[in-house]
Amino acid sequence: MTMGSQRLTSLRQLKTFHTVARLGSVTLTADELHISQSAVSIQIAELERHFNTQLVLRTGRGVRLTDAGDMLDRYAERMLTLWAEANDDMAIFLGEYSGTLKVGAVTTAEFWLPRLLVTFANENPKAKVVLRVEKRDEIVRMLATEEIDVAVMGQPPSELNVIATAFAKNPVGFVAAPKHPLMSHPNLSMAVLAESRLLVREPGSGTRATVERMFKEEGLKLRIGSELSGNEALKQMCAAGFGPAYLSLHTCVLEFRAGLLALLPLRNNPFEREWFLTRLVSKKIPAVTLAFERFLCSKGQQELAKQLPKAWRHEALGRH
């Protein structure tokens, strides 16, 4: 086959072509790549001249690939992936990280994770951060569909094949308003708690699943006083004296300092859990994401400890 032009095809043209193939639309491709529709058409035309064949067919609903276009798209995807891997490996070699860090986090982590992301971004100014905060079930779904590269959560999903790296302690416990009757209970136990009006998160949240499991392991039935869809509402009702709640201490630092909440005098309260950075085994992780993983493993514990009252740092957090 004789090519229509000896000029080398650029990666930019291949990226444009691959995006058109993926989206099936010149308009959507132009929007995603932030270029004009005419620029998209010109680059496709240059590829067609180079290979001396038609690669796309215009239809009433957009565009679709010809057989030749299908073949080229397979090569384009492989070449673009290889180029991205080369960029990542060079970044690792040079210690310069750019690209987009796509991280998801359960709602409990929104109280401390943004500060760590700011620290990471300041150390890696070329990196862009995209943070999605959702309840646990939604974060697991986003991880499975690769909408995010990594997830910060307290309990890795057993239903996915993942690598879960513990990077910091997560003290969680039963709390209540300082004047709540349970605060002065002489023999407070899980059995006594089971008879109280416990405030809990909605189904699908990590803390809800954990507290249900704790009562089940004790052979106790969980009595729900009220079910709330967010940590803020849960804390406010707890501070108002409605009932005790099971919370990560990272979510209620300000309330403890203000004397609005206190730990219940329950044996082993608070309980020591861990924060995990979770990613799919099968997914190729960008260099900037691996850099973030190393950042959390080396500085996560220290950075989280800074956000807790000094009285908690040794007893509740310990050290890795």
C-alpha atoms as a PDB file:
ATOM      1  CA  MET A   1       0.000   0.000   0.000  1.00  0.00           C
ATOM      2  CA  THR A   2       1.366   3.410  -0.949  1.00  0.00           C
ATOM      3  CA  MET A   3       0.797   6.120   1.646  1.00  0.00           C
ATOM      4  CA  GLY A   4      -0.540   9.456   0.454  1.00  0.00           C
ATOM      5  CA  SER A   5       2.058  11.386   2.473  1.00  0.00           C
ATOM      6  CA  GLN A   6       5.478  10.652   3.875  1.00  0.00           C
ATOM      7  CA  ARG A   7       4.959  13.055   6.761  1.00  0.00           C
ATOM      8  CA  LEU A   8       4.900  11.295  10.132  1.00  0.00           C
ATOM      9  CA  THR A   9       1.544  10.999  11.842  1.00  0.00           C
ATOM     10  CA  SER A  10       1.582  12.795  15.197  1.00  0.00           C
ATOM     11  CA  LEU A  11       0.400  11.466  18.534  1.00  0.00           C
ATOM     12  CA  ARG A  12      -1.939  14.440  18.693  1.00  0.00           C
ATOM     13  CA  GLN A  13      -3.688  13.256  15.538  1.00  0.00           C
ATOM     14  CA  LEU A  14      -3.941   9.733  16.908  1.00  0.00           C
ATOM     15  CA  LYS A  15      -5.374  11.033  20.189  1.00  0.00           C
ATOM     16  CA  THR A  16      -7.968  13.055  18.307  1.00  0.00           C
ATOM     17  CA  PHE A  17      -8.864  10.072  16.129  1.00  0.00           C
ATOM     18  CA  HIS A  18      -9.097   7.725  19.128  1.00  0.00           C
ATOM     19  CA  THR A  19     -11.340  10.207  20.951  1.00  0.00           C
ATOM     20  CA  VAL A  20     -13.635  10.448  17.917  1.00  0.00           C
ATOM     21  CA  ALA A  21     -13.766   6.646  17.808  1.00  0.00           C
ATOM     22  CA  ARG A  22     -14.624   6.485  21.501  1.00  0.00           C
ATOM     23  CA  LEU A  23     -17.237   9.239  21.530  1.00  0.00           C
ATOM     24  CA  GLY A  24     -18.636   8.817  18.013  1.00  0.00           C
ATOM     25  CA  SER A  25     -18.932  12.569  17.630  1.00  0.00           C
ATOM     26  CA  VAL A  26     -16.778  15.395  16.302  1.00  0.00           C
ATOM     27  CA  THR A  27     -18.600  17.886  18.523  1.00  0.00           C
ATOM     28  CA  LEU A  28     -18.038  15.888  21.726  1.00  0.00           C
ATOM     29  CA  THR A  29     -14.401  15.301  20.769  1.00  0.00           C
ATOM     30  CA  ALA A  30     -13.836  19.027  20.270  1.00  0.00           C
ATOM     31  CA  ASP A  31     -15.399  19.741  23.677  1.00  0.00           C
ATOM     32  CA  GLU A  32     -13.326  17.093  25.467  1.00  0.00           C
ATOM     33  CA  LEU A  33     -10.009  18.097  23.853  1.00  0.00           C
ATOM     34  CA  HIS A  34     -10.753  21.840  24.020  1.00  0.00           C
ATOM     35  CA  ILE A  35     -10.176  22.413  20.309  1.00  0.00           C
ATOM     36  CA  SER A  36     -12.453  23.545  17.486  1.00  0.00           C
ATOM     37  CA  GLN A  37     -14.602  21.151  15.463  1.00  0.00           C
ATOM     38  CA  SER A  38     -12.728  22.203  12.335  1.00  0.00           C
ATOM     39  CA  ALA A  39      -9.421  21.242  14.010  1.00  0.00           C
ATOM     40  CA  VAL A  40     -10.839  17.771  14.695  1.00  0.00           C
ATOM     41  CA  SER A  41     -11.970  17.393  11.077  1.00  0.00           C
ATOM     42  CA  ILE A  42      -8.607  18.595   9.740  1.00  0.00           C
ATOM     43  CA  GLN A  43      -6.662  16.087  11.832  1.00  0.00           C
ATOM     44  CA  ILE A  44      -8.917  13.213  10.740  1.00  0.00           C
ATOM     45  CA  ALA A  45      -8.512  14.313   7.110  1.00  0.00           C
ATOM     46  CA  GLU A  46      -4.714  14.372   7.481  1.00  0.00           C
ATOM     47  CA  LEU A  47      -4.770  10.800   8.786  1.00  0.00           C
ATOM     48  CA  GLU A  48      -6.956   9.722   5.875  1.00  0.00           C
ATOM     49  CA  ARG A  49      -4.543  11.334   3.410  1.00  0.00           C
ATOM     50  CA  HIS A  50      -1.598   9.658   5.104  1.00  0.00           C
ATOM     51  CA  PHE A  51      -3.152   6.187   4.843  1.00  0.00           C
ATOM     52  CA  ASN A  52      -4.901   6.956   1.560  1.00  0.00           C
ATOM     53  CA  THR A  53      -8.185   5.528   2.801  1.00  0.00           C
ATOM     54  CA  GLN A  54     -11.373   6.587   4.537  1.00  0.00           C
ATOM     55  CA  LEU A  55     -11.275   6.071   8.288  1.00  0.00           C
ATOM     56  CA  VAL A  56     -14.638   7.462   9.427  1.00  0.00           C
ATOM     57  CA  LEU A  57     -18.125   7.656   7.991  1.00  0.00           C
ATOM     58  CA  ARG A  58     -20.401  10.607   8.715  1.00  0.00           C
ATOM     59  CA  THR A  59     -23.906   9.555   9.754  1.00  0.00           C
ATOM     60  CA  GLY A  60     -26.988  11.409  10.856  1.00  0.00           C
ATOM     61  CA  ARG A  61     -26.149  10.660  14.486  1.00  0.00           C
ATOM     62  CA  GLY A  62     -22.426  11.400  14.344  1.00  0.00           C
ATOM     63  CA  VAL A  63     -19.563   9.339  12.967  1.00  0.00           C
ATOM     64  CA  ARG A  64     -18.593   5.672  12.928  1.00  0.00           C
ATOM     65  CA  LEU A  65     -15.374   3.939  11.934  1.00  0.00           C
ATOM     66  CA  THR A  66     -14.751   2.082   8.719  1.00  0.00           C
ATOM     67  CA  ASP A  67     -13.005  -1.301   8.847  1.00  0.00           C
ATOM     68  CA  ALA A  68      -9.714   0.502   8.262  1.00  0.00           C
ATOM     69  CA  GLY A  69     -10.604   2.937  11.026  1.00  0.00           C
ATOM     70  CA  ASP A  70     -11.288   0.058  13.417  1.00  0.00           C
ATOM     71  CA  MET A  71      -7.843  -1.367  12.700  1.00  0.00           C
ATOM     72  CA  LEU A  72      -6.117   1.990  13.179  1.00  0.00           C
ATOM     73  CA  ASP A  73      -7.997   2.660  16.405  1.00  0.00           C
ATOM     74  CA  ARG A  74      -6.628  -0.529  17.955  1.00  0.00           C
ATOM     75  CA  TYR A  75      -3.083   0.594  17.166  1.00  0.00           C
ATOM     76  CA  ALA A  76      -3.830   4.158  18.296  1.00  0.00           C
ATOM     77  CA  GLU A  77      -5.015   2.926  21.689  1.00  0.00           C
ATOM     78  CA  ARG A  78      -1.873   0.834  22.167  1.00  0.00           C
ATOM     79  CA  MET A  79       0.430   3.665  21.090  1.00  0.00           C
ATOM     80  CA  LEU A  80      -1.268   6.235  23.324  1.00  0.00           C
ATOM     81  CA  THR A  81      -1.147   3.848  26.281  1.00  0.00           C
ATOM     82  CA  LEU A  82       2.543   3.178  25.666  1.00  0.00           C
ATOM     83  CA  TRP A  83       3.239   6.905  25.445  1.00  0.00           C
ATOM     84  CA  ALA A  84       1.405   7.525  28.723  1.00  0.00           C
ATOM     85  CA  GLU A  85       3.446   4.762  30.381  1.00  0.00           C
ATOM     86  CA  ALA A  86       6.646   6.301  29.044  1.00  0.00           C
ATOM     87  CA  ASN A  87       5.659   9.668  30.518  1.00  0.00           C
ATOM     88  CA  ASP A  88       4.886   8.065  33.871  1.00  0.00           C
ATOM     89  CA  ASP A  89       8.179   6.164  33.976  1.00  0.00           C
ATOM     90  CA  MET A  90      10.131   9.283  33.033  1.00  0.00           C
ATOM     91  CA  ALA A  91       8.332  11.200  35.776  1.00  0.00           C
ATOM     92  CA  ILE A  92       9.313   8.546  38.296  1.00  0.00           C
ATOM     93  CA  PHE A  93      12.901   8.602  37.042  1.00  0.00           C
ATOM     94  CA  LEU A  94      13.121  12.394  37.232  1.00  0.00           C
ATOM     95  CA  GLY A  95      11.037  12.766  40.383  1.00  0.00           C
ATOM     96  CA  GLU A  96       8.620  15.171  38.683  1.00  0.00           C
ATOM     97  CA  TYR A  97       4.964  14.256  38.855  1.00  0.00           C
ATOM     98  CA  SER A  98       2.265  15.736  36.672  1.00  0.00           C
ATOM     99  CA  GLY A  99      -1.102  14.526  35.452  1.00  0.00           C
ATOM    100  CA  THR A 100      -4.377  14.087  37.302  1.00  0.00           C
ATOM    101  CA  LEU A 101      -4.779  12.380  40.659  1.00  0.00           C
ATOM    102  CA  LYS A 102      -8.300  10.936  40.675  1.00  0.00           C
ATOM    103  CA  VAL A 103      -9.090   9.967  44.243  1.00  0.00           C
ATOM    104  CA  GLY A 104     -12.364   8.982  45.865  1.00  0.00           C
ATOM    105  CA  ALA A 105     -13.061   9.093  49.590  1.00  0.00           C
ATOM    106  CA  VAL A 106     -15.778   8.002  51.971  1.00  0.00           C
ATOM    107  CA  THR A 107     -17.599  10.866  53.669  1.00  0.00           C
ATOM    108  CA  THR A 108     -15.768  10.371  56.973  1.00  0.00           C
ATOM    109  CA  ALA A 109     -12.480  11.230  55.269  1.00  0.00           C
ATOM    110  CA  GLU A 110     -13.683  14.634  54.037  1.00  0.00           C
ATOM    111  CA  PHE A 111     -12.843  16.098  57.453  1.00  0.00           C
ATOM    112  CA  TRP A 112      -9.083  15.550  57.045  1.00  0.00           C
ATOM    113  CA  LEU A 113      -8.198  14.414  53.514  1.00  0.00           C
ATOM    114  CA  PRO A 114      -8.416  17.865  51.825  1.00  0.00           C
ATOM    115  CA  ARG A 115      -5.559  19.153  54.000  1.00  0.00           C
ATOM    116  CA  LEU A 116      -3.338  16.247  52.978  1.00  0.00           C
ATOM    117  CA  LEU A 117      -4.221  16.798  49.325  1.00  0.00           C
ATOM    118  CA  VAL A 118      -3.192  20.454  49.646  1.00  0.00           C
ATOM    119  CA  THR A 119       0.149  19.392  51.135  1.00  0.00           C
ATOM    120  CA  PHE A 120       0.668  16.868  48.324  1.00  0.00           C
ATOM    121  CA  ALA A 121      -0.301  19.417  45.655  1.00  0.00           C
ATOM    122  CA  ASN A 122       2.122  21.977  47.090  1.00  0.00           C
ATOM    123  CA  GLU A 123       4.914  19.402  46.900  1.00  0.00           C
ATOM    124  CA  ASN A 124       3.880  18.455  43.343  1.00  0.00           C
ATOM    125  CA  PRO A 125       2.739  21.701  41.683  1.00  0.00           C
ATOM    126  CA  LYS A 126       2.333  20.081  38.244  1.00  0.00           C
ATOM    127  CA  ALA A 127      -0.236  17.615  39.562  1.00  0.00           C
ATOM    128  CA  LYS A 128      -3.975  18.225  39.295  1.00  0.00           C
ATOM    129  CA  VAL A 129      -6.240  16.792  41.991  1.00  0.00           C
ATOM    130  CA  VAL A 130      -9.800  15.563  41.445  1.00  0.00           C
ATOM    131  CA  LEU A 131     -11.548  14.488  44.671  1.00  0.00           C
ATOM    132  CA  ARG A 132     -14.894  12.675  44.829  1.00  0.00           C
ATOM    133  CA  VAL A 133     -16.528  12.256  48.249  1.00  0.00           C
ATOM    134  CA  GLU A 134     -19.401   9.776  48.484  1.00  0.00           C
ATOM    135  CA  LYS A 135     -20.768   7.118  50.807  1.00  0.00           C
ATOM    136  CA  ARG A 136     -18.858   3.848  50.800  1.00  0.00           C
ATOM    137  CA  ASP A 137     -21.053   1.882  48.381  1.00  0.00           C
ATOM    138  CA  GLU A 138     -20.739   4.583  45.740  1.00  0.00           C
ATOM    139  CA  ILE A 139     -16.955   4.839  46.183  1.00  0.00           C
ATOM    140  CA  VAL A 140     -16.661   1.065  45.706  1.00  0.00           C
ATOM    141  CA  ARG A 141     -18.725   1.332  42.516  1.00  0.00           C
ATOM    142  CA  MET A 142     -16.556   4.176  41.185  1.00  0.00           C
ATOM    143  CA  LEU A 143     -13.425   2.174  41.941  1.00  0.00           C
ATOM    144  CA  ALA A 144     -14.816  -0.863  40.108  1.00  0.00           C
ATOM    145  CA  THR A 145     -15.750   1.192  37.019  1.00  0.00           C
ATOM    146  CA  GLU A 146     -12.378   3.011  37.104  1.00  0.00           C
ATOM    147  CA  GLU A 147     -13.952   6.454  37.494  1.00  0.00           C
ATOM    148  CA  ILE A 148     -11.326   6.966  40.192  1.00  0.00           C
ATOM    149  CA  ASP A 149      -7.806   5.557  40.436  1.00  0.00           C
ATOM    150  CA  VAL A 150      -7.672   5.107  44.211  1.00  0.00           C
ATOM    151  CA  ALA A 151     -10.048   5.242  47.146  1.00  0.00           C
ATOM    152  CA  VAL A 152      -9.521   6.319  50.752  1.00  0.00           C
ATOM    153  CA  MET A 153     -11.684   4.254  53.099  1.00  0.00           C
ATOM    154  CA  GLY A 154     -11.736   2.536  56.449  1.00  0.00           C
ATOM    155  CA  GLN A 155     -12.769  -0.883  55.170  1.00  0.00           C
ATOM    156  CA  PRO A 156     -11.447  -2.241  51.825  1.00  0.00           C
ATOM    157  CA  PRO A 157     -14.095  -3.900  49.649  1.00  0.00           C
ATOM    158  CA  SER A 158     -14.055  -7.693  49.811  1.00  0.00           C
ATOM    159  CA  GLU A 159     -16.030  -7.935  46.570  1.00  0.00           C
ATOM    160  CA  LEU A 160     -13.191  -6.471  44.461  1.00  0.00           C
ATOM    161  CA  ASN A 161      -9.653  -7.680  43.785  1.00  0.00           C
ATOM    162  CA  VAL A 162      -7.754  -4.777  45.295  1.00  0.00           C
ATOM    163  CA  ILE A 163      -4.472  -3.729  46.838  1.00  0.00           C
ATOM    164  CA  ALA A 164      -5.272  -2.034  50.159  1.00  0.00           C
ATOM    165  CA  THR A 165      -2.435  -0.157  51.860  1.00  0.00           C
ATOM    166  CA  ALA A 166      -2.884   0.931  55.477  1.00  0.00           C
ATOM    167  CA  PHE A 167      -1.307   4.353  55.985  1.00  0.00           C
ATOM    168  CA  ALA A 168      -2.730   5.757  59.251  1.00  0.00           C
ATOM    169  CA  LYS A 169      -4.651   4.879  62.378  1.00  0.00           C
ATOM    170  CA  ASN A 170      -8.360   5.662  62.463  1.00  0.00           C
ATOM    171  CA  PRO A 171      -9.674   5.948  66.035  1.00  0.00           C
ATOM    172  CA  VAL A 172     -13.429   5.408  66.159  1.00  0.00           C
ATOM    173  CA  GLY A 173     -15.704   5.233  69.138  1.00  0.00           C
ATOM    174  CA  PHE A 174     -19.042   5.751  70.804  1.00  0.00           C
ATOM    175  CA  VAL A 175     -19.633   9.372  71.735  1.00  0.00           C
ATOM    176  CA  ALA A 176     -22.433  11.346  73.348  1.00  0.00           C
ATOM    177  CA  ALA A 177     -23.242  14.768  74.748  1.00  0.00           C
ATOM    178  CA  PRO A 178     -21.347  15.334  78.046  1.00  0.00           C
ATOM    179  CA  LYS A 179     -24.613  15.457  80.048  1.00  0.00           C
ATOM    180  CA  HIS A 180     -26.144  12.350  78.459  1.00  0.00           C
ATOM    181  CA  PRO A 181     -27.173   9.788  81.157  1.00  0.00           C
ATOM    182  CA  LEU A 182     -24.858   7.121  79.708  1.00  0.00           C
ATOM    183  CA  MET A 183     -21.853   9.294  80.585  1.00  0.00           C
ATOM    184  CA  SER A 184     -22.390   8.527  84.272  1.00  0.00           C
ATOM    185  CA  HIS A 185     -23.474   4.910  83.872  1.00  0.00           C
ATOM    186  CA  PRO A 186     -21.475   2.827  86.400  1.00  0.00           C
ATOM    187  CA  ASN A 187     -21.198  -0.305  84.232  1.00  0.00           C
ATOM    188  CA  LEU A 188     -21.592   0.797  80.653  1.00  0.00           C
ATOM    189  CA  SER A 189     -21.398  -2.093  78.193  1.00  0.00           C
ATOM    190  CA  MET A 190     -22.386  -2.972  74.645  1.00  0.00           C
ATOM    191  CA  ALA A 191     -25.542  -4.575  76.068  1.00  0.00           C
ATOM    192  CA  VAL A 192     -26.511  -1.287  77.720  1.00  0.00           C
ATOM    193  CA  LEU A 193     -25.756   0.577  74.495  1.00  0.00           C
ATOM    194  CA  ALA A 194     -28.004  -1.824  72.601  1.00  0.00           C
ATOM    195  CA  GLU A 195     -30.934  -0.560  74.674  1.00  0.00           C
ATOM    196  CA  SER A 196     -30.222   3.101  73.933  1.00  0.00           C
ATOM    197  CA  ARG A 197     -31.416   5.189  71.013  1.00  0.00           C
ATOM    198  CA  LEU A 198     -28.290   4.920  68.883  1.00  0.00           C
ATOM    199  CA  LEU A 199     -27.740   7.431  66.089  1.00  0.00           C
ATOM    200  CA  VAL A 200     -26.490   5.747  62.924  1.00  0.00           C
ATOM    201  CA  ARG A 201     -25.611   6.592  59.329  1.00  0.00           C
ATOM    202  CA  GLU A 202     -27.702   5.398  56.385  1.00  0.00           C
ATOM    203  CA  PRO A 203     -27.229   1.906  54.864  1.00  0.00           C
ATOM    204  CA  GLY A 204     -24.242   1.859  52.530  1.00  0.00           C
ATOM    205  CA  SER A 205     -21.965   3.924  54.757  1.00  0.00           C
ATOM    206  CA  GLY A 206     -18.815   2.371  56.218  1.00  0.00           C
ATOM    207  CA  THR A 207     -19.535   3.300  59.842  1.00  0.00           C
ATOM    208  CA  ARG A 208     -23.062   1.849  59.592  1.00  0.00           C
ATOM    209  CA  ALA A 209     -21.680  -1.479  58.364  1.00  0.00           C
ATOM    210  CA  THR A 210     -19.043  -1.519  61.115  1.00  0.00           C
ATOM    211  CA  VAL A 211     -21.407  -0.766  63.998  1.00  0.00           C
ATOM    212  CA  GLU A 212     -23.906  -3.376  62.768  1.00  0.00           C
ATOM    213  CA  ARG A 213     -21.111  -5.944  62.655  1.00  0.00           C
ATOM    214  CA  MET A 214     -19.948  -5.030  66.186  1.00  0.00           C
ATOM    215  CA  PHE A 215     -23.387  -5.589  67.700  1.00  0.00           C
ATOM    216  CA  LYS A 216     -23.880  -8.789  65.717  1.00  0.00           C
ATOM    217  CA  GLU A 217     -20.567 -10.170  67.010  1.00  0.00           C
ATOM    218  CA  GLU A 218     -21.756  -9.463  70.559  1.00  0.00           C
ATOM    219  CA  GLY A 219     -25.012 -11.318  69.867  1.00  0.00           C
ATOM    220  CA  LEU A 220     -26.978  -8.102  70.327  1.00  0.00           C
ATOM    221  CA  LYS A 221     -29.722  -6.482  68.280  1.00  0.00           C
ATOM    222  CA  LEU A 222     -28.977  -2.934  67.215  1.00  0.00           C
ATOM    223  CA  ARG A 223     -31.687  -0.487  68.285  1.00  0.00           C
ATOM    224  CA  ILE A 224     -31.720   2.480  65.926  1.00  0.00           C
ATOM    225  CA  GLY A 225     -32.897   5.745  67.416  1.00  0.00           C
ATOM    226  CA  SER A 226     -32.468   7.747  64.231  1.00  0.00           C
ATOM    227  CA  GLU A 227     -30.895   7.221  60.825  1.00  0.00           C
ATOM    228  CA  LEU A 228     -29.082  10.154  59.207  1.00  0.00           C
ATOM    229  CA  SER A 229     -27.465  10.575  55.798  1.00  0.00           C
ATOM    230  CA  GLY A 230     -24.502  12.719  56.826  1.00  0.00           C
ATOM    231  CA  ASN A 231     -21.932  13.097  59.585  1.00  0.00           C
ATOM    232  CA  GLU A 232     -22.820  16.743  60.323  1.00  0.00           C
ATOM    233  CA  ALA A 233     -26.470  15.994  61.063  1.00  0.00           C
ATOM    234  CA  LEU A 234     -25.424  12.967  63.113  1.00  0.00           C
ATOM    235  CA  LYS A 235     -23.044  15.054  65.234  1.00  0.00           C
ATOM    236  CA  GLN A 236     -25.610  17.813  65.800  1.00  0.00           C
ATOM    237  CA  MET A 237     -28.286  15.401  67.028  1.00  0.00           C
ATOM    238  CA  CYS A 238     -25.739  13.631  69.212  1.00  0.00           C
ATOM    239  CA  ALA A 239     -24.523  16.918  70.709  1.00  0.00           C
ATOM    240  CA  ALA A 240     -28.141  17.911  71.358  1.00  0.00           C
ATOM    241  CA  GLY A 241     -28.494  14.844  73.598  1.00  0.00           C
ATOM    242  CA  PHE A 242     -30.751  12.681  71.433  1.00  0.00           C
ATOM    243  CA  GLY A 243     -28.538   9.634  71.835  1.00  0.00           C
ATOM    244  CA  PRO A 244     -25.040   8.166  71.466  1.00  0.00           C
ATOM    245  CA  ALA A 245     -23.338   7.760  68.086  1.00  0.00           C
ATOM    246  CA  TYR A 246     -20.488   5.748  66.626  1.00  0.00           C
ATOM    247  CA  LEU A 247     -18.054   8.104  64.884  1.00  0.00           C
ATOM    248  CA  SER A 248     -14.509   8.395  63.666  1.00  0.00           C
ATOM    249  CA  LEU A 249     -12.805  10.811  66.031  1.00  0.00           C
ATOM    250  CA  HIS A 250     -11.421  12.631  62.989  1.00  0.00           C
ATOM    251  CA  THR A 251     -14.952  13.831  62.226  1.00  0.00           C
ATOM    252  CA  CYS A 252     -15.622  15.465  65.589  1.00  0.00           C
ATOM    253  CA  VAL A 253     -12.393  17.155  66.689  1.00  0.00           C
ATOM    254  CA  LEU A 254     -14.027  20.611  66.886  1.00  0.00           C
ATOM    255  CA  GLU A 255     -16.995  19.288  68.867  1.00  0.00           C
ATOM    256  CA  PHE A 256     -14.665  17.664  71.413  1.00  0.00           C
ATOM    257  CA  ARG A 257     -12.639  20.842  71.791  1.00  0.00           C
ATOM    258  CA  ALA A 258     -15.826  22.867  72.274  1.00  0.00           C
ATOM    259  CA  GLY A 259     -17.125  20.449  74.919  1.00  0.00           C
ATOM    260  CA  LEU A 260     -20.127  19.425  72.827  1.00  0.00           C
ATOM    261  CA  LEU A 261     -19.204  15.730  72.594  1.00  0.00           C
ATOM    262  CA  ALA A 262     -17.254  13.297  74.750  1.00  0.00           C
ATOM    263  CA  LEU A 263     -16.212   9.661  74.650  1.00  0.00           C
ATOM    264  CA  LEU A 264     -18.526   7.276  76.472  1.00  0.00           C
ATOM    265  CA  PRO A 265     -16.892   5.399  79.408  1.00  0.00           C
ATOM    266  CA  LEU A 266     -17.018   2.103  77.566  1.00  0.00           C
ATOM    267  CA  ARG A 267     -14.262  -0.504  77.780  1.00  0.00           C
ATOM    268  CA  ASN A 268     -11.681  -0.145  74.956  1.00  0.00           C
ATOM    269  CA  ASN A 269     -13.437   2.992  73.698  1.00  0.00           C
ATOM    270  CA  PRO A 270     -12.204   4.405  71.303  1.00  0.00           C
ATOM    271  CA  PHE A 271     -11.399   1.449  69.064  1.00  0.00           C
ATOM    272  CA  GLU A 272      -8.337   1.472  66.845  1.00  0.00           C
ATOM    273  CA  ARG A 273      -9.058   1.019  63.150  1.00  0.00           C
ATOM    274  CA  GLU A 274      -7.022   1.952  60.089  1.00  0.00           C
ATOM    275  CA  TRP A 275      -7.301   4.135  57.008  1.00  0.00           C
ATOM    276  CA  PHE A 276      -6.572   2.399  53.704  1.00  0.00           C
ATOM    277  CA  LEU A 277      -5.642   3.582  50.239  1.00  0.00           C
ATOM    278  CA  THR A 278      -7.290   1.091  47.905  1.00  0.00           C
ATOM    279  CA  ARG A 279      -6.757   0.421  44.191  1.00  0.00           C
ATOM    280  CA  LEU A 280      -7.637  -2.297  41.705  1.00  0.00           C
ATOM    281  CA  VAL A 281      -5.010  -4.980  41.118  1.00  0.00           C
ATOM    282  CA  SER A 282      -5.775  -4.974  37.391  1.00  0.00           C
ATOM    283  CA  LYS A 283      -5.543  -1.213  36.827  1.00  0.00           C
ATOM    284  CA  LYS A 284      -2.422   0.517  35.537  1.00  0.00           C
ATOM    285  CA  ILE A 285      -1.843   3.311  38.028  1.00  0.00           C
ATOM    286  CA  PRO A 286      -0.432   6.689  36.855  1.00  0.00           C
ATOM    287  CA  ALA A 287       2.848   7.859  38.328  1.00  0.00           C
ATOM    288  CA  VAL A 288       1.176  10.757  40.150  1.00  0.00           C
ATOM    289  CA  THR A 289      -1.114   8.264  41.914  1.00  0.00           C
ATOM    290  CA  LEU A 290       1.818   6.098  42.976  1.00  0.00           C
ATOM    291  CA  ALA A 291       3.508   9.257  44.258  1.00  0.00           C
ATOM    292  CA  PHE A 292       0.394  10.019  46.326  1.00  0.00           C
ATOM    293  CA  GLU A 293       0.443   6.479  47.727  1.00  0.00           C
ATOM    294  CA  ARG A 294       4.065   6.936  48.821  1.00  0.00           C
ATOM    295  CA  PHE A 295       3.179  10.348  50.280  1.00  0.00           C
ATOM    296  CA  LEU A 296       0.393   8.860  52.421  1.00  0.00           C
ATOM    297  CA  CYS A 297       2.546   5.961  53.598  1.00  0.00           C
ATOM    298  CA  SER A 298       5.391   8.265  54.638  1.00  0.00           C
ATOM    299  CA  LYS A 299       3.453  11.288  55.947  1.00  0.00           C
ATOM    300  CA  GLY A 300      -0.190  10.283  56.379  1.00  0.00           C
ATOM    301  CA  GLN A 301       0.066   9.181  60.012  1.00  0.00           C
ATOM    302  CA  GLN A 302       1.997  12.286  61.021  1.00  0.00           C
ATOM    303  CA  GLU A 303      -0.319  14.660  59.156  1.00  0.00           C
ATOM    304  CA  LEU A 304      -3.481  13.117  60.624  1.00  0.00           C
ATOM    305  CA  ALA A 305      -2.038  13.216  64.143  1.00  0.00           C
ATOM    306  CA  LYS A 306      -1.564  16.974  63.790  1.00  0.00           C
ATOM    307  CA  GLN A 307      -5.316  17.381  63.376  1.00  0.00           C
ATOM    308  CA  LEU A 308      -6.178  15.574  66.624  1.00  0.00           C
ATOM    309  CA  PRO A 309      -6.057  16.961  70.193  1.00  0.00           C
ATOM    310  CA  LYS A 310      -2.723  16.167  71.856  1.00  0.00           C
ATOM    311  CA  ALA A 311      -4.425  13.995  74.491  1.00  0.00           C
ATOM    312  CA  TRP A 312      -5.566  11.580  71.754  1.00  0.00           C
ATOM    313  CA  ARG A 313      -2.412  11.316  69.709  1.00  0.00           C
ATOM    314  CA  HIS A 314      -0.615   8.602  71.664  1.00  0.00           C
ATOM    315  CA  GLU A 315      -3.538   6.685  73.151  1.00  0.00           C
ATOM    316  CA  ALA A 316      -5.862   6.694  70.150  1.00  0.00           C
ATOM    317  CA  LEU A 317      -3.435   6.763  67.244  1.00  0.00           C
ATOM    318  CA  GLY A 318      -0.194   5.121  68.215  1.00  0.00           C
ATOM    319  CA  ARG A 319       2.521   4.959  65.562  1.00  0.00           C
ATOM    320  CA  HIS A 320       3.179   2.837  62.474  1.00  0.00           C
END
